[in-house]
Amino acid sequence: MLDKDGNILATRVLVHPHVNEQPFTRGLSQVRISKDTKSLTIRGHDKVHEYGGKELKLDWPPK
């Protein structure tokens, strides 16, 4: 999870690929987000492809 300036706020490491588990969901708790944050970006990363695929940009806080 990134803030609008690209700073990493939180990461979730997956211990194995989820190719045969689509779609799949995982949680992430105890993330501290500054109250002046206006948007967040969620993006995937793996050791083979690095950063890739579609980024999800969210308005923050949710409305």
N, C-alpha and C. Protein backbone atom coordinates (compact mmCIF):
# COMPACT_ATOMS: atom_id res chain seq x y z
N MET A 1 0.86 -1.16 0.00
CA MET A 1 0.00 0.00 0.00
C MET A 1 0.91 1.23 0.00
N LEU A 2 0.62 2.17 -0.88
CA LEU A 2 1.42 3.39 -1.03
C LEU A 2 0.57 4.62 -0.78
N ASP A 3 1.21 5.67 -0.28
CA ASP A 3 0.51 6.95 -0.19
C ASP A 3 0.68 7.68 -1.52
N LYS A 4 0.13 8.89 -1.64
CA LYS A 4 0.16 9.62 -2.92
C LYS A 4 1.56 9.98 -3.37
N ASP A 5 2.53 9.99 -2.45
CA ASP A 5 3.91 10.32 -2.79
C ASP A 5 4.75 9.08 -3.10
N GLY A 6 4.10 7.89 -3.07
CA GLY A 6 4.82 6.66 -3.38
C GLY A 6 5.50 6.01 -2.19
N ASN A 7 5.27 6.55 -0.99
CA ASN A 7 5.86 5.95 0.21
C ASN A 7 5.10 4.68 0.58
N ILE A 8 5.83 3.61 0.89
CA ILE A 8 5.19 2.36 1.27
C ILE A 8 4.66 2.48 2.69
N LEU A 9 3.35 2.25 2.85
CA LEU A 9 2.71 2.30 4.16
C LEU A 9 2.59 0.92 4.78
N ALA A 10 2.44 -0.10 3.94
CA ALA A 10 2.27 -1.47 4.44
C ALA A 10 2.53 -2.46 3.32
N THR A 11 2.96 -3.66 3.69
CA THR A 11 3.12 -4.74 2.74
C THR A 11 2.53 -6.01 3.32
N ARG A 12 2.14 -6.90 2.46
CA ARG A 12 1.65 -8.22 2.86
C ARG A 12 2.40 -9.23 2.00
N VAL A 13 3.24 -10.06 2.62
CA VAL A 13 4.02 -11.06 1.91
C VAL A 13 3.22 -12.35 1.83
N LEU A 14 3.07 -12.86 0.63
CA LEU A 14 2.38 -14.13 0.42
C LEU A 14 3.43 -15.24 0.37
N VAL A 15 3.17 -16.35 1.03
CA VAL A 15 4.19 -17.40 1.14
C VAL A 15 4.20 -18.36 -0.04
N HIS A 16 3.18 -18.31 -0.90
CA HIS A 16 3.16 -19.16 -2.09
C HIS A 16 2.26 -18.51 -3.13
N PRO A 17 2.43 -18.90 -4.41
CA PRO A 17 1.57 -18.35 -5.46
C PRO A 17 0.11 -18.77 -5.26
N HIS A 18 -0.79 -17.97 -5.76
CA HIS A 18 -2.22 -18.25 -5.64
C HIS A 18 -2.86 -18.39 -7.02
N VAL A 19 -2.11 -18.96 -7.95
CA VAL A 19 -2.56 -19.08 -9.33
C VAL A 19 -3.87 -19.87 -9.42
N ASN A 20 -3.99 -20.93 -8.67
CA ASN A 20 -5.18 -21.78 -8.74
C ASN A 20 -6.23 -21.41 -7.70
N GLU A 21 -6.12 -20.24 -7.12
CA GLU A 21 -7.06 -19.79 -6.08
C GLU A 21 -7.66 -18.44 -6.47
N GLN A 22 -8.06 -18.29 -7.71
CA GLN A 22 -8.56 -17.00 -8.18
C GLN A 22 -10.07 -16.95 -8.15
N PRO A 23 -10.67 -15.88 -7.71
CA PRO A 23 -9.99 -14.80 -6.99
C PRO A 23 -9.69 -15.21 -5.56
N PHE A 24 -8.73 -14.55 -4.95
CA PHE A 24 -8.43 -14.82 -3.55
C PHE A 24 -8.33 -13.50 -2.80
N THR A 25 -8.53 -13.55 -1.52
CA THR A 25 -8.45 -12.34 -0.69
C THR A 25 -7.55 -12.61 0.50
N ARG A 26 -6.92 -11.58 0.96
CA ARG A 26 -6.11 -11.63 2.17
C ARG A 26 -6.31 -10.30 2.90
N GLY A 27 -6.08 -10.29 4.19
CA GLY A 27 -6.25 -9.08 4.98
C GLY A 27 -4.92 -8.46 5.36
N LEU A 28 -5.01 -7.23 5.83
CA LEU A 28 -3.84 -6.51 6.33
C LEU A 28 -4.33 -5.60 7.44
N SER A 29 -3.83 -5.80 8.63
CA SER A 29 -4.33 -5.02 9.77
C SER A 29 -3.22 -4.17 10.39
N GLN A 30 -3.62 -3.30 11.27
CA GLN A 30 -2.73 -2.42 12.03
C GLN A 30 -1.88 -1.53 11.14
N VAL A 31 -2.50 -1.03 10.06
CA VAL A 31 -1.82 -0.10 9.16
C VAL A 31 -2.12 1.31 9.64
N ARG A 32 -1.11 2.12 9.81
CA ARG A 32 -1.28 3.51 10.23
C ARG A 32 -1.30 4.41 9.00
N ILE A 33 -2.42 5.12 8.84
CA ILE A 33 -2.59 6.03 7.70
C ILE A 33 -2.81 7.43 8.27
N SER A 34 -1.96 8.35 7.86
CA SER A 34 -2.05 9.72 8.33
C SER A 34 -3.42 10.32 8.02
N LYS A 35 -3.93 11.14 8.93
CA LYS A 35 -5.26 11.71 8.72
C LYS A 35 -5.30 12.72 7.57
N ASP A 36 -4.15 13.20 7.09
CA ASP A 36 -4.15 14.11 5.95
C ASP A 36 -4.00 13.37 4.61
N THR A 37 -3.99 12.04 4.64
CA THR A 37 -3.90 11.24 3.42
C THR A 37 -5.20 11.36 2.63
N LYS A 38 -5.08 11.60 1.33
CA LYS A 38 -6.24 11.78 0.46
C LYS A 38 -6.45 10.60 -0.49
N SER A 39 -5.39 9.81 -0.76
CA SER A 39 -5.52 8.67 -1.66
C SER A 39 -4.48 7.60 -1.33
N LEU A 40 -4.78 6.37 -1.73
CA LEU A 40 -3.89 5.23 -1.53
C LEU A 40 -3.79 4.46 -2.84
N THR A 41 -2.67 3.78 -3.04
CA THR A 41 -2.49 2.92 -4.20
C THR A 41 -2.13 1.52 -3.71
N ILE A 42 -2.81 0.53 -4.27
CA ILE A 42 -2.52 -0.86 -3.97
C ILE A 42 -1.92 -1.47 -5.23
N ARG A 43 -0.80 -2.19 -5.09
CA ARG A 43 -0.18 -2.81 -6.25
C ARG A 43 0.44 -4.15 -5.87
N GLY A 44 0.52 -5.02 -6.84
CA GLY A 44 1.08 -6.35 -6.60
C GLY A 44 2.57 -6.39 -6.92
N HIS A 45 3.26 -7.34 -6.29
CA HIS A 45 4.68 -7.55 -6.53
C HIS A 45 5.00 -9.00 -6.26
N ASP A 46 5.84 -9.59 -7.10
CA ASP A 46 6.35 -10.92 -6.80
C ASP A 46 7.80 -11.00 -7.22
N LYS A 47 8.48 -12.06 -6.80
CA LYS A 47 9.91 -12.20 -7.07
C LYS A 47 10.22 -12.44 -8.54
N VAL A 48 9.26 -12.98 -9.30
CA VAL A 48 9.48 -13.28 -10.71
C VAL A 48 9.20 -12.06 -11.58
N HIS A 49 8.03 -11.44 -11.39
CA HIS A 49 7.59 -10.36 -12.28
C HIS A 49 7.82 -8.96 -11.71
N GLU A 50 8.27 -8.89 -10.46
CA GLU A 50 8.42 -7.63 -9.75
C GLU A 50 7.08 -6.90 -9.73
N TYR A 51 7.07 -5.57 -9.87
CA TYR A 51 5.80 -4.84 -9.88
C TYR A 51 5.19 -4.95 -11.26
N GLY A 52 3.93 -5.23 -11.29
CA GLY A 52 3.28 -5.38 -12.58
C GLY A 52 1.78 -5.51 -12.41
N GLY A 53 1.09 -5.53 -13.51
CA GLY A 53 -0.36 -5.64 -13.45
C GLY A 53 -1.00 -4.31 -13.16
N LYS A 54 -2.24 -4.38 -12.81
CA LYS A 54 -3.04 -3.19 -12.60
C LYS A 54 -2.88 -2.65 -11.18
N GLU A 55 -2.67 -1.35 -11.04
CA GLU A 55 -2.67 -0.70 -9.73
C GLU A 55 -4.10 -0.27 -9.40
N LEU A 56 -4.43 -0.31 -8.14
CA LEU A 56 -5.75 0.12 -7.68
C LEU A 56 -5.56 1.39 -6.89
N LYS A 57 -6.13 2.50 -7.36
CA LYS A 57 -6.03 3.78 -6.67
C LYS A 57 -7.35 4.07 -5.98
N LEU A 58 -7.28 4.40 -4.70
CA LEU A 58 -8.46 4.62 -3.87
C LEU A 58 -8.46 6.01 -3.27
N ASP A 59 -9.63 6.64 -3.23
CA ASP A 59 -9.78 7.87 -2.46
C ASP A 59 -9.76 7.49 -0.99
N TRP A 60 -9.14 8.32 -0.17
CA TRP A 60 -9.07 8.04 1.26
C TRP A 60 -9.43 9.29 2.04
N PRO A 61 -10.21 9.23 3.06
CA PRO A 61 -10.92 8.03 3.52
C PRO A 61 -12.06 7.68 2.59
N PRO A 62 -12.51 6.41 2.63
CA PRO A 62 -13.61 6.00 1.76
C PRO A 62 -14.86 6.84 2.03
N LYS A 63 -15.65 7.05 1.01
CA LYS A 63 -16.86 7.86 1.16
C LYS A 63 -18.08 7.00 1.26
